[in-house]
Amino acid sequence: MVSINPKFRIKKGDEVIVLSGREKGKRGKVLRVVRKEDRVLVQGVNMIKRHTRPSQVSPGGILEREAALHISKVALVDPKLGKPTRVGYKFLEDGRKVRFAKLSGEVIDL
């Protein structure tokens, strides 16, 4: 089920940790956020094997690549403590809106 107007607090390039499933505890960098399906692609997590036929561009064979995870299964890693944390928003003195880790209060976006 796709939500109407989800707020994605995780962005491309963030370091996340997997909270549940067979990949629980693994960490990786977010490669892509698929907003339409509420999913994220995390580097080195949820690897699948893809059997491809040879073509003019590629030789074919068995390729290993990442499959998307649901966004609810991942949490942002706190930059200060290295633990999973929730994300909040606040405004700095210069008026910029930034994300911060609720666990330690550390600002994520600079």
C-alpha atoms as a PDB file:
ATOM      1  CA  MET A   1       0.000   0.000   0.000  1.00  0.00           C
ATOM      2  CA  VAL A   2       1.365   3.400  -0.952  1.00  0.00           C
ATOM      3  CA  SER A   3       0.858   6.214   1.518  1.00  0.00           C
ATOM      4  CA  ILE A   4      -0.697   9.488   0.398  1.00  0.00           C
ATOM      5  CA  ASN A   5       1.966  12.017   1.418  1.00  0.00           C
ATOM      6  CA  PRO A   6       4.866  10.298   3.160  1.00  0.00           C
ATOM      7  CA  LYS A   7       7.677  12.266   4.775  1.00  0.00           C
ATOM      8  CA  PHE A   8      10.979  10.674   3.865  1.00  0.00           C
ATOM      9  CA  ARG A   9      13.567  11.609   6.449  1.00  0.00           C
ATOM     10  CA  ILE A  10      16.188   9.397   4.790  1.00  0.00           C
ATOM     11  CA  LYS A  11      17.988  10.718   1.725  1.00  0.00           C
ATOM     12  CA  LYS A  12      20.477   9.490  -0.853  1.00  0.00           C
ATOM     13  CA  GLY A  13      23.975   9.286   0.615  1.00  0.00           C
ATOM     14  CA  ASP A  14      22.849   8.737   4.241  1.00  0.00           C
ATOM     15  CA  GLU A  15      24.302   5.862   6.250  1.00  0.00           C
ATOM     16  CA  VAL A  16      21.534   3.576   7.498  1.00  0.00           C
ATOM     17  CA  ILE A  17      21.203   0.391   9.543  1.00  0.00           C
ATOM     18  CA  VAL A  18      18.682  -2.388   8.825  1.00  0.00           C
ATOM     19  CA  LEU A  19      16.251  -2.887  11.734  1.00  0.00           C
ATOM     20  CA  SER A  20      14.466  -6.130  10.777  1.00  0.00           C
ATOM     21  CA  GLY A  21      14.525  -9.112   8.450  1.00  0.00           C
ATOM     22  CA  ARG A  22      17.360 -11.429   7.447  1.00  0.00           C
ATOM     23  CA  GLU A  23      19.675  -8.450   6.828  1.00  0.00           C
ATOM     24  CA  LYS A  24      19.139  -7.094  10.382  1.00  0.00           C
ATOM     25  CA  GLY A  25      22.130  -5.189  11.762  1.00  0.00           C
ATOM     26  CA  LYS A  26      23.816  -4.536   8.419  1.00  0.00           C
ATOM     27  CA  ARG A  27      24.896  -0.998   7.588  1.00  0.00           C
ATOM     28  CA  GLY A  28      25.236   0.716   4.254  1.00  0.00           C
ATOM     29  CA  LYS A  29      24.954   3.890   2.250  1.00  0.00           C
ATOM     30  CA  VAL A  30      21.634   4.772   0.599  1.00  0.00           C
ATOM     31  CA  LEU A  31      22.090   4.576  -3.186  1.00  0.00           C
ATOM     32  CA  ARG A  32      18.548   5.516  -4.187  1.00  0.00           C
ATOM     33  CA  VAL A  33      15.177   6.373  -2.648  1.00  0.00           C
ATOM     34  CA  VAL A  34      12.133   5.073  -4.561  1.00  0.00           C
ATOM     35  CA  ARG A  35       9.431   7.438  -3.318  1.00  0.00           C
ATOM     36  CA  LYS A  36       6.571   5.854  -5.280  1.00  0.00           C
ATOM     37  CA  GLU A  37       7.044   2.474  -3.586  1.00  0.00           C
ATOM     38  CA  ASP A  38       8.318   3.662  -0.156  1.00  0.00           C
ATOM     39  CA  ARG A  39      11.599   1.814  -0.692  1.00  0.00           C
ATOM     40  CA  VAL A  40      15.341   2.437  -0.453  1.00  0.00           C
ATOM     41  CA  LEU A  41      18.329   0.818  -2.146  1.00  0.00           C
ATOM     42  CA  VAL A  42      21.189   0.274   0.338  1.00  0.00           C
ATOM     43  CA  GLN A  43      24.747  -0.505  -0.777  1.00  0.00           C
ATOM     44  CA  GLY A  44      25.763  -4.119   0.002  1.00  0.00           C
ATOM     45  CA  VAL A  45      22.438  -5.006   1.658  1.00  0.00           C
ATOM     46  CA  ASN A  46      19.709  -7.374   0.373  1.00  0.00           C
ATOM     47  CA  MET A  47      21.850  -8.757  -2.465  1.00  0.00           C
ATOM     48  CA  ILE A  48      20.121 -10.780  -5.196  1.00  0.00           C
ATOM     49  CA  LYS A  49      21.434 -12.767  -8.136  1.00  0.00           C
ATOM     50  CA  ARG A  50      20.170 -11.707 -11.566  1.00  0.00           C
ATOM     51  CA  HIS A  51      20.586 -14.138 -14.482  1.00  0.00           C
ATOM     52  CA  THR A  52      21.092 -12.103 -17.655  1.00  0.00           C
ATOM     53  CA  ARG A  53      21.314 -13.153 -21.268  1.00  0.00           C
ATOM     54  CA  PRO A  54      24.315 -11.992 -23.322  1.00  0.00           C
ATOM     55  CA  SER A  55      23.749  -8.890 -25.441  1.00  0.00           C
ATOM     56  CA  GLN A  56      25.825  -6.481 -27.514  1.00  0.00           C
ATOM     57  CA  VAL A  57      26.445  -4.370 -24.418  1.00  0.00           C
ATOM     58  CA  SER A  58      27.120  -7.016 -21.732  1.00  0.00           C
ATOM     59  CA  PRO A  59      28.508 -10.555 -21.771  1.00  0.00           C
ATOM     60  CA  GLY A  60      25.648 -11.854 -19.605  1.00  0.00           C
ATOM     61  CA  GLY A  61      25.909 -14.378 -16.780  1.00  0.00           C
ATOM     62  CA  ILE A  62      24.938 -14.134 -13.137  1.00  0.00           C
ATOM     63  CA  LEU A  63      25.097 -10.577 -11.810  1.00  0.00           C
ATOM     64  CA  GLU A  64      24.819  -9.745  -8.122  1.00  0.00           C
ATOM     65  CA  ARG A  65      23.102  -6.483  -7.184  1.00  0.00           C
ATOM     66  CA  GLU A  66      21.086  -4.833  -4.422  1.00  0.00           C
ATOM     67  CA  ALA A  67      17.316  -5.168  -4.135  1.00  0.00           C
ATOM     68  CA  ALA A  68      15.172  -2.437  -2.565  1.00  0.00           C
ATOM     69  CA  LEU A  69      14.119  -2.566   1.094  1.00  0.00           C
ATOM     70  CA  HIS A  70      11.014  -0.966   2.575  1.00  0.00           C
ATOM     71  CA  ILE A  71      11.876   2.378   4.166  1.00  0.00           C
ATOM     72  CA  SER A  72      10.350   1.317   7.501  1.00  0.00           C
ATOM     73  CA  LYS A  73      13.016  -1.403   7.846  1.00  0.00           C
ATOM     74  CA  VAL A  74      15.914   1.064   7.943  1.00  0.00           C
ATOM     75  CA  ALA A  75      16.952   3.787  10.378  1.00  0.00           C
ATOM     76  CA  LEU A  76      19.520   6.524  10.061  1.00  0.00           C
ATOM     77  CA  VAL A  77      22.811   5.936  11.897  1.00  0.00           C
ATOM     78  CA  ASP A  78      23.555   8.622  14.488  1.00  0.00           C
ATOM     79  CA  PRO A  79      26.764  10.409  13.375  1.00  0.00           C
ATOM     80  CA  LYS A  80      27.924  10.850  16.981  1.00  0.00           C
ATOM     81  CA  LEU A  81      26.983   7.533  18.637  1.00  0.00           C
ATOM     82  CA  GLY A  82      26.804   5.138  15.650  1.00  0.00           C
ATOM     83  CA  LYS A  83      23.414   3.753  16.746  1.00  0.00           C
ATOM     84  CA  PRO A  84      20.056   3.822  14.930  1.00  0.00           C
ATOM     85  CA  THR A  85      18.165   7.052  15.551  1.00  0.00           C
ATOM     86  CA  ARG A  86      15.018   8.885  14.563  1.00  0.00           C
ATOM     87  CA  VAL A  87      15.244  12.102  12.585  1.00  0.00           C
ATOM     88  CA  GLY A  88      13.849  15.511  13.460  1.00  0.00           C
ATOM     89  CA  TYR A  89      13.934  18.936  11.827  1.00  0.00           C
ATOM     90  CA  LYS A  90      14.949  22.285  13.277  1.00  0.00           C
ATOM     91  CA  PHE A  91      15.930  25.741  12.092  1.00  0.00           C
ATOM     92  CA  LEU A  92      19.437  27.139  12.660  1.00  0.00           C
ATOM     93  CA  GLU A  93      20.192  30.750  13.611  1.00  0.00           C
ATOM     94  CA  ASP A  94      20.819  31.644   9.958  1.00  0.00           C
ATOM     95  CA  GLY A  95      17.342  30.394   9.007  1.00  0.00           C
ATOM     96  CA  ARG A  96      18.332  27.088   7.385  1.00  0.00           C
ATOM     97  CA  LYS A  97      16.144  24.032   8.007  1.00  0.00           C
ATOM     98  CA  VAL A  98      18.305  21.016   8.895  1.00  0.00           C
ATOM     99  CA  ARG A  99      17.814  17.410   9.974  1.00  0.00           C
ATOM    100  CA  PHE A 100      19.098  16.314  13.374  1.00  0.00           C
ATOM    101  CA  ALA A 101      19.502  12.973  15.168  1.00  0.00           C
ATOM    102  CA  LYS A 102      17.002  12.753  18.014  1.00  0.00           C
ATOM    103  CA  LEU A 103      19.261  10.399  20.011  1.00  0.00           C
ATOM    104  CA  SER A 104      22.224  12.757  20.388  1.00  0.00           C
ATOM    105  CA  GLY A 105      20.909  16.074  19.013  1.00  0.00           C
ATOM    106  CA  GLU A 106      23.711  16.109  16.398  1.00  0.00           C
ATOM    107  CA  VAL A 107      22.944  18.032  13.169  1.00  0.00           C
ATOM    108  CA  ILE A 108      23.010  15.734  10.089  1.00  0.00           C
ATOM    109  CA  ASP A 109      22.839  18.284   7.241  1.00  0.00           C
ATOM    110  CA  LEU A 110      25.538  20.957   7.203  1.00  0.00           C
END
